[in-house]
Amino acid sequence: MSLLSLLYLDDHGVELVTNAVKHWCRARHVPMQSIQGQKAMGIAIDKVLAGESSPAALIEAIDSHIPGEVHKDPHG
């Protein structure tokens, strides 16, 4: 996944992706810049490009593709 994929989204799509990923990362105590955050961004972008428009569905898709419990970084 590349952030260049964001270029294919309209303003609403970019906002949808970033808000969903921010919410997912905040709830799991991981930085958006982490590997998990980058994976979450890629999953959300792919889903929005495929036509998904529900924030809850994006978060659910991220959860289903990033298995296991994510713990807070002790340095973050």
PDB file of N, CA and C in Angstrom:
ATOM      1  N   MET A   1       0.846  -1.175   0.000  1.00  0.00           N
ATOM      2  CA  MET A   1       0.000   0.000   0.000  1.00  0.00           C
ATOM      3  C   MET A   1       0.885   1.229   0.000  1.00  0.00           C
ATOM      4  N   SER A   2       0.475   2.177  -0.757  1.00  0.00           N
ATOM      5  CA  SER A   2       1.177   3.440  -0.821  1.00  0.00           C
ATOM      6  C   SER A   2       0.195   4.558  -0.518  1.00  0.00           C
ATOM      7  N   LEU A   3       0.708   5.596   0.115  1.00  0.00           N
ATOM      8  CA  LEU A   3      -0.160   6.742   0.353  1.00  0.00           C
ATOM      9  C   LEU A   3      -0.589   7.383  -0.955  1.00  0.00           C
ATOM     10  N   LEU A   4       0.096   7.037  -2.039  1.00  0.00           N
ATOM     11  CA  LEU A   4      -0.338   7.527  -3.346  1.00  0.00           C
ATOM     12  C   LEU A   4      -1.741   7.048  -3.672  1.00  0.00           C
ATOM     13  N   SER A   5      -2.153   5.940  -3.069  1.00  0.00           N
ATOM     14  CA  SER A   5      -3.516   5.436  -3.280  1.00  0.00           C
ATOM     15  C   SER A   5      -4.554   6.450  -2.832  1.00  0.00           C
ATOM     16  N   LEU A   6      -4.192   7.313  -1.899  1.00  0.00           N
ATOM     17  CA  LEU A   6      -5.123   8.353  -1.450  1.00  0.00           C
ATOM     18  C   LEU A   6      -5.491   9.296  -2.592  1.00  0.00           C
ATOM     19  N   LEU A   7      -4.624   9.398  -3.590  1.00  0.00           N
ATOM     20  CA  LEU A   7      -4.910  10.278  -4.727  1.00  0.00           C
ATOM     21  C   LEU A   7      -6.136   9.830  -5.501  1.00  0.00           C
ATOM     22  N   TYR A   8      -6.479   8.566  -5.389  1.00  0.00           N
ATOM     23  CA  TYR A   8      -7.639   8.039  -6.114  1.00  0.00           C
ATOM     24  C   TYR A   8      -8.953   8.282  -5.373  1.00  0.00           C
ATOM     25  N   LEU A   9      -8.864   8.814  -4.169  1.00  0.00           N
ATOM     26  CA  LEU A   9     -10.062   9.087  -3.377  1.00  0.00           C
ATOM     27  C   LEU A   9     -10.450  10.552  -3.495  1.00  0.00           C
ATOM     28  N   ASP A  10     -11.754  10.812  -3.434  1.00  0.00           N
ATOM     29  CA  ASP A  10     -12.199  12.194  -3.368  1.00  0.00           C
ATOM     30  C   ASP A  10     -12.018  12.685  -1.930  1.00  0.00           C
ATOM     31  N   ASP A  11     -12.323  13.951  -1.690  1.00  0.00           N
ATOM     32  CA  ASP A  11     -12.123  14.527  -0.355  1.00  0.00           C
ATOM     33  C   ASP A  11     -12.875  13.756   0.717  1.00  0.00           C
ATOM     34  N   HIS A  12     -14.102  13.347   0.397  1.00  0.00           N
ATOM     35  CA  HIS A  12     -14.896  12.587   1.363  1.00  0.00           C
ATOM     36  C   HIS A  12     -14.231  11.243   1.668  1.00  0.00           C
ATOM     37  N   GLY A  13     -13.707  10.578   0.655  1.00  0.00           N
ATOM     38  CA  GLY A  13     -13.032   9.300   0.843  1.00  0.00           C
ATOM     39  C   GLY A  13     -11.787   9.430   1.706  1.00  0.00           C
ATOM     40  N   VAL A  14     -11.005  10.483   1.467  1.00  0.00           N
ATOM     41  CA  VAL A  14      -9.801  10.718   2.272  1.00  0.00           C
ATOM     42  C   VAL A  14     -10.187  10.952   3.728  1.00  0.00           C
ATOM     43  N   GLU A  15     -11.221  11.758   3.936  1.00  0.00           N
ATOM     44  CA  GLU A  15     -11.683  12.040   5.297  1.00  0.00           C
ATOM     45  C   GLU A  15     -12.209  10.770   5.968  1.00  0.00           C
ATOM     46  N   LEU A  16     -12.962   9.969   5.228  1.00  0.00           N
ATOM     47  CA  LEU A  16     -13.504   8.716   5.740  1.00  0.00           C
ATOM     48  C   LEU A  16     -12.379   7.782   6.186  1.00  0.00           C
ATOM     49  N   VAL A  17     -11.372   7.612   5.330  1.00  0.00           N
ATOM     50  CA  VAL A  17     -10.238   6.737   5.643  1.00  0.00           C
ATOM     51  C   VAL A  17      -9.470   7.252   6.847  1.00  0.00           C
ATOM     52  N   THR A  18      -9.098   8.519   6.829  1.00  0.00           N
ATOM     53  CA  THR A  18      -8.272   9.035   7.924  1.00  0.00           C
ATOM     54  C   THR A  18      -9.017   9.003   9.254  1.00  0.00           C
ATOM     55  N   ASN A  19     -10.290   9.335   9.248  1.00  0.00           N
ATOM     56  CA  ASN A  19     -11.051   9.297  10.502  1.00  0.00           C
ATOM     57  C   ASN A  19     -11.183   7.874  11.038  1.00  0.00           C
ATOM     58  N   ALA A  20     -11.449   6.908  10.153  1.00  0.00           N
ATOM     59  CA  ALA A  20     -11.586   5.515  10.589  1.00  0.00           C
ATOM     60  C   ALA A  20     -10.273   4.989  11.138  1.00  0.00           C
ATOM     61  N   VAL A  21      -9.170   5.291  10.449  1.00  0.00           N
ATOM     62  CA  VAL A  21      -7.861   4.799  10.900  1.00  0.00           C
ATOM     63  C   VAL A  21      -7.449   5.494  12.198  1.00  0.00           C
ATOM     64  N   LYS A  22      -7.701   6.788  12.319  1.00  0.00           N
ATOM     65  CA  LYS A  22      -7.406   7.493  13.575  1.00  0.00           C
ATOM     66  C   LYS A  22      -8.169   6.851  14.730  1.00  0.00           C
ATOM     67  N   HIS A  23      -9.453   6.587  14.496  1.00  0.00           N
ATOM     68  CA  HIS A  23     -10.289   5.976  15.536  1.00  0.00           C
ATOM     69  C   HIS A  23      -9.748   4.598  15.904  1.00  0.00           C
ATOM     70  N   TRP A  24      -9.436   3.776  14.891  1.00  0.00           N
ATOM     71  CA  TRP A  24      -8.934   2.427  15.123  1.00  0.00           C
ATOM     72  C   TRP A  24      -7.618   2.474  15.902  1.00  0.00           C
ATOM     73  N   CYS A  25      -6.711   3.336  15.477  1.00  0.00           N
ATOM     74  CA  CYS A  25      -5.404   3.438  16.139  1.00  0.00           C
ATOM     75  C   CYS A  25      -5.546   3.949  17.574  1.00  0.00           C
ATOM     76  N   ARG A  26      -6.381   4.952  17.766  1.00  0.00           N
ATOM     77  CA  ARG A  26      -6.577   5.507  19.107  1.00  0.00           C
ATOM     78  C   ARG A  26      -7.157   4.447  20.046  1.00  0.00           C
ATOM     79  N   ALA A  27      -8.137   3.684  19.573  1.00  0.00           N
ATOM     80  CA  ALA A  27      -8.781   2.665  20.397  1.00  0.00           C
ATOM     81  C   ALA A  27      -7.820   1.535  20.760  1.00  0.00           C
ATOM     82  N   ARG A  28      -6.816   1.312  19.915  1.00  0.00           N
ATOM     83  CA  ARG A  28      -5.866   0.220  20.146  1.00  0.00           C
ATOM     84  C   ARG A  28      -4.511   0.716  20.632  1.00  0.00           C
ATOM     85  N   HIS A  29      -4.413   2.007  20.868  1.00  0.00           N
ATOM     86  CA  HIS A  29      -3.195   2.622  21.405  1.00  0.00           C
ATOM     87  C   HIS A  29      -1.970   2.356  20.535  1.00  0.00           C
ATOM     88  N   VAL A  30      -2.145   2.520  19.230  1.00  0.00           N
ATOM     89  CA  VAL A  30      -1.018   2.391  18.312  1.00  0.00           C
ATOM     90  C   VAL A  30      -0.914   3.676  17.483  1.00  0.00           C
ATOM     91  N   PRO A  31       0.294   4.120  17.199  1.00  0.00           N
ATOM     92  CA  PRO A  31       0.455   5.311  16.361  1.00  0.00           C
ATOM     93  C   PRO A  31       0.063   5.027  14.913  1.00  0.00           C
ATOM     94  N   MET A  32      -0.478   6.031  14.249  1.00  0.00           N
ATOM     95  CA  MET A  32      -0.823   5.862  12.840  1.00  0.00           C
ATOM     96  C   MET A  32       0.419   5.570  12.002  1.00  0.00           C
ATOM     97  N   GLN A  33       1.587   6.024  12.450  1.00  0.00           N
ATOM     98  CA  GLN A  33       2.819   5.823  11.700  1.00  0.00           C
ATOM     99  C   GLN A  33       3.433   4.445  11.931  1.00  0.00           C
ATOM    100  N   SER A  34       2.854   3.661  12.834  1.00  0.00           N
ATOM    101  CA  SER A  34       3.372   2.322  13.114  1.00  0.00           C
ATOM    102  C   SER A  34       3.050   1.381  11.964  1.00  0.00           C
ATOM    103  N   ILE A  35       3.645   0.198  11.987  1.00  0.00           N
ATOM    104  CA  ILE A  35       3.353  -0.808  10.964  1.00  0.00           C
ATOM    105  C   ILE A  35       1.869  -1.140  10.964  1.00  0.00           C
ATOM    106  N   GLN A  36       1.278  -1.298  12.161  1.00  0.00           N
ATOM    107  CA  GLN A  36      -0.149  -1.609  12.250  1.00  0.00           C
ATOM    108  C   GLN A  36      -0.985  -0.462  11.695  1.00  0.00           C
ATOM    109  N   GLY A  37      -0.580   0.771  11.979  1.00  0.00           N
ATOM    110  CA  GLY A  37      -1.303   1.931  11.473  1.00  0.00           C
ATOM    111  C   GLY A  37      -1.241   2.021   9.956  1.00  0.00           C
ATOM    112  N   GLN A  38      -0.077   1.708   9.397  1.00  0.00           N
ATOM    113  CA  GLN A  38       0.077   1.714   7.944  1.00  0.00           C
ATOM    114  C   GLN A  38      -0.758   0.615   7.300  1.00  0.00           C
ATOM    115  N   LYS A  39      -0.794  -0.566   7.936  1.00  0.00           N
ATOM    116  CA  LYS A  39      -1.629  -1.647   7.416  1.00  0.00           C
ATOM    117  C   LYS A  39      -3.104  -1.253   7.467  1.00  0.00           C
ATOM    118  N   ALA A  40      -3.500  -0.639   8.579  1.00  0.00           N
ATOM    119  CA  ALA A  40      -4.890  -0.194   8.722  1.00  0.00           C
ATOM    120  C   ALA A  40      -5.246   0.807   7.632  1.00  0.00           C
ATOM    121  N   MET A  41      -4.332   1.706   7.327  1.00  0.00           N
ATOM    122  CA  MET A  41      -4.568   2.709   6.284  1.00  0.00           C
ATOM    123  C   MET A  41      -4.764   2.021   4.931  1.00  0.00           C
ATOM    124  N   GLY A  42      -3.926   1.063   4.623  1.00  0.00           N
ATOM    125  CA  GLY A  42      -4.049   0.348   3.352  1.00  0.00           C
ATOM    126  C   GLY A  42      -5.364  -0.392   3.224  1.00  0.00           C
ATOM    127  N   ILE A  43      -5.773  -1.043   4.292  1.00  0.00           N
ATOM    128  CA  ILE A  43      -7.038  -1.785   4.288  1.00  0.00           C
ATOM    129  C   ILE A  43      -8.205  -0.823   4.084  1.00  0.00           C
ATOM    130  N   ALA A  44      -8.186   0.292   4.807  1.00  0.00           N
ATOM    131  CA  ALA A  44      -9.275   1.262   4.694  1.00  0.00           C
ATOM    132  C   ALA A  44      -9.333   1.871   3.289  1.00  0.00           C
ATOM    133  N   ILE A  45      -8.178   2.191   2.720  1.00  0.00           N
ATOM    134  CA  ILE A  45      -8.148   2.746   1.367  1.00  0.00           C
ATOM    135  C   ILE A  45      -8.739   1.743   0.376  1.00  0.00           C
ATOM    136  N   ASP A  46      -8.300   0.493   0.480  1.00  0.00           N
ATOM    137  CA  ASP A  46      -8.818  -0.534  -0.433  1.00  0.00           C
ATOM    138  C   ASP A  46     -10.328  -0.659  -0.328  1.00  0.00           C
ATOM    139  N   LYS A  47     -10.846  -0.632   0.888  1.00  0.00           N
ATOM    140  CA  LYS A  47     -12.296  -0.775   1.092  1.00  0.00           C
ATOM    141  C   LYS A  47     -13.059   0.416   0.505  1.00  0.00           C
ATOM    142  N   VAL A  48     -12.554   1.623   0.715  1.00  0.00           N
ATOM    143  CA  VAL A  48     -13.237   2.801   0.180  1.00  0.00           C
ATOM    144  C   VAL A  48     -13.167   2.797  -1.349  1.00  0.00           C
ATOM    145  N   LEU A  49     -12.026   2.409  -1.905  1.00  0.00           N
ATOM    146  CA  LEU A  49     -11.921   2.313  -3.365  1.00  0.00           C
ATOM    147  C   LEU A  49     -12.889   1.275  -3.933  1.00  0.00           C
ATOM    148  N   ALA A  50     -13.215   0.264  -3.112  1.00  0.00           N
ATOM    149  CA  ALA A  50     -14.164  -0.775  -3.536  1.00  0.00           C
ATOM    150  C   ALA A  50     -15.615  -0.351  -3.318  1.00  0.00           C
ATOM    151  N   GLY A  51     -15.815   0.845  -2.744  1.00  0.00           N
ATOM    152  CA  GLY A  51     -17.167   1.367  -2.602  1.00  0.00           C
ATOM    153  C   GLY A  51     -17.713   1.442  -1.196  1.00  0.00           C
ATOM    154  N   GLU A  52     -16.940   1.032  -0.207  1.00  0.00           N
ATOM    155  CA  GLU A  52     -17.415   1.082   1.188  1.00  0.00           C
ATOM    156  C   GLU A  52     -17.505   2.536   1.642  1.00  0.00           C
ATOM    157  N   SER A  53     -18.580   2.869   2.347  1.00  0.00           N
ATOM    158  CA  SER A  53     -18.746   4.246   2.823  1.00  0.00           C
ATOM    159  C   SER A  53     -19.111   4.323   4.303  1.00  0.00           C
ATOM    160  N   SER A  54     -19.102   3.199   4.990  1.00  0.00           N
ATOM    161  CA  SER A  54     -19.452   3.173   6.405  1.00  0.00           C
ATOM    162  C   SER A  54     -18.191   3.153   7.263  1.00  0.00           C
ATOM    163  N   PRO A  55     -18.028   4.142   8.162  1.00  0.00           N
ATOM    164  CA  PRO A  55     -16.870   4.133   9.052  1.00  0.00           C
ATOM    165  C   PRO A  55     -16.801   2.857   9.896  1.00  0.00           C
ATOM    166  N   ALA A  56     -17.936   2.395  10.381  1.00  0.00           N
ATOM    167  CA  ALA A  56     -17.952   1.185  11.211  1.00  0.00           C
ATOM    168  C   ALA A  56     -17.491  -0.033  10.401  1.00  0.00           C
ATOM    169  N   ALA A  57     -17.905  -0.103   9.145  1.00  0.00           N
ATOM    170  CA  ALA A  57     -17.489  -1.217   8.291  1.00  0.00           C
ATOM    171  C   ALA A  57     -15.995  -1.170   8.018  1.00  0.00           C
ATOM    172  N   LEU A  58     -15.438   0.035   7.880  1.00  0.00           N
ATOM    173  CA  LEU A  58     -13.993   0.157   7.686  1.00  0.00           C
ATOM    174  C   LEU A  58     -13.239  -0.351   8.906  1.00  0.00           C
ATOM    175  N   ILE A  59     -13.693   0.042  10.076  1.00  0.00           N
ATOM    176  CA  ILE A  59     -13.041  -0.400  11.311  1.00  0.00           C
ATOM    177  C   ILE A  59     -13.158  -1.908  11.464  1.00  0.00           C
ATOM    178  N   GLU A  60     -14.304  -2.452  11.146  1.00  0.00           N
ATOM    179  CA  GLU A  60     -14.503  -3.905  11.206  1.00  0.00           C
ATOM    180  C   GLU A  60     -13.565  -4.619  10.225  1.00  0.00           C
ATOM    181  N   ALA A  61     -13.416  -4.067   9.041  1.00  0.00           N
ATOM    182  CA  ALA A  61     -12.522  -4.667   8.040  1.00  0.00           C
ATOM    183  C   ALA A  61     -11.080  -4.635   8.525  1.00  0.00           C
ATOM    184  N   ILE A  62     -10.677  -3.534   9.129  1.00  0.00           N
ATOM    185  CA  ILE A  62      -9.315  -3.438   9.665  1.00  0.00           C
ATOM    186  C   ILE A  62      -9.119  -4.495  10.747  1.00  0.00           C
ATOM    187  N   ASP A  63     -10.079  -4.598  11.659  1.00  0.00           N
ATOM    188  CA  ASP A  63      -9.995  -5.605  12.728  1.00  0.00           C
ATOM    189  C   ASP A  63      -9.881  -7.020  12.173  1.00  0.00           C
ATOM    190  N   SER A  64     -10.608  -7.301  11.102  1.00  0.00           N
ATOM    191  CA  SER A  64     -10.596  -8.658  10.567  1.00  0.00           C
ATOM    192  C   SER A  64      -9.300  -8.984   9.828  1.00  0.00           C
ATOM    193  N   HIS A  65      -8.577  -7.953   9.378  1.00  0.00           N
ATOM    194  CA  HIS A  65      -7.334  -8.177   8.639  1.00  0.00           C
ATOM    195  C   HIS A  65      -6.076  -8.039   9.506  1.00  0.00           C
ATOM    196  N   ILE A  66      -6.206  -7.458  10.674  1.00  0.00           N
ATOM    197  CA  ILE A  66      -5.057  -7.325  11.572  1.00  0.00           C
ATOM    198  C   ILE A  66      -5.383  -8.134  12.821  1.00  0.00           C
ATOM    199  N   PRO A  67      -4.983  -9.406  12.809  1.00  0.00           N
ATOM    200  CA  PRO A  67      -5.365 -10.314  13.896  1.00  0.00           C
ATOM    201  C   PRO A  67      -4.619 -10.029  15.193  1.00  0.00           C
ATOM    202  N   GLY A  68      -5.211 -10.499  16.239  1.00  0.00           N
ATOM    203  CA  GLY A  68      -4.576 -10.409  17.552  1.00  0.00           C
ATOM    204  C   GLY A  68      -4.776  -9.068  18.201  1.00  0.00           C
ATOM    205  N   GLU A  69      -4.504  -9.052  19.470  1.00  0.00           N
ATOM    206  CA  GLU A  69      -4.653  -7.834  20.252  1.00  0.00           C
ATOM    207  C   GLU A  69      -3.394  -7.004  20.117  1.00  0.00           C
ATOM    208  N   VAL A  70      -3.562  -5.707  19.875  1.00  0.00           N
ATOM    209  CA  VAL A  70      -2.437  -4.792  19.769  1.00  0.00           C
ATOM    210  C   VAL A  70      -2.283  -4.093  21.108  1.00  0.00           C
ATOM    211  N   HIS A  71      -1.082  -4.095  21.628  1.00  0.00           N
ATOM    212  CA  HIS A  71      -0.817  -3.474  22.928  1.00  0.00           C
ATOM    213  C   HIS A  71      -0.139  -2.142  22.743  1.00  0.00           C
ATOM    214  N   LYS A  72      -0.315  -1.305  23.730  1.00  0.00           N
ATOM    215  CA  LYS A  72       0.280   0.021  23.682  1.00  0.00           C
ATOM    216  C   LYS A  72       1.802  -0.075  23.699  1.00  0.00           C
ATOM    217  N   ASP A  73       2.418   0.730  22.862  1.00  0.00           N
ATOM    218  CA  ASP A  73       3.867   0.808  22.812  1.00  0.00           C
ATOM    219  C   ASP A  73       4.361   1.431  24.116  1.00  0.00           C
ATOM    220  N   PRO A  74       5.252   0.760  24.863  1.00  0.00           N
ATOM    221  CA  PRO A  74       5.718   1.309  26.129  1.00  0.00           C
ATOM    222  C   PRO A  74       6.511   2.591  25.952  1.00  0.00           C
ATOM    223  N   HIS A  75       6.969   2.884  24.735  1.00  0.00           N
ATOM    224  CA  HIS A  75       7.749   4.089  24.483  1.00  0.00           C
ATOM    225  C   HIS A  75       6.901   5.206  23.902  1.00  0.00           C
ATOM    226  N   GLY A  76       5.626   4.942  23.653  1.00  0.00           N
ATOM    227  CA  GLY A  76       4.809   5.915  22.937  1.00  0.00           C
ATOM    228  C   GLY A  76       3.798   6.562  23.751  1.00  0.00           C
TER     229      GLY A  76
END
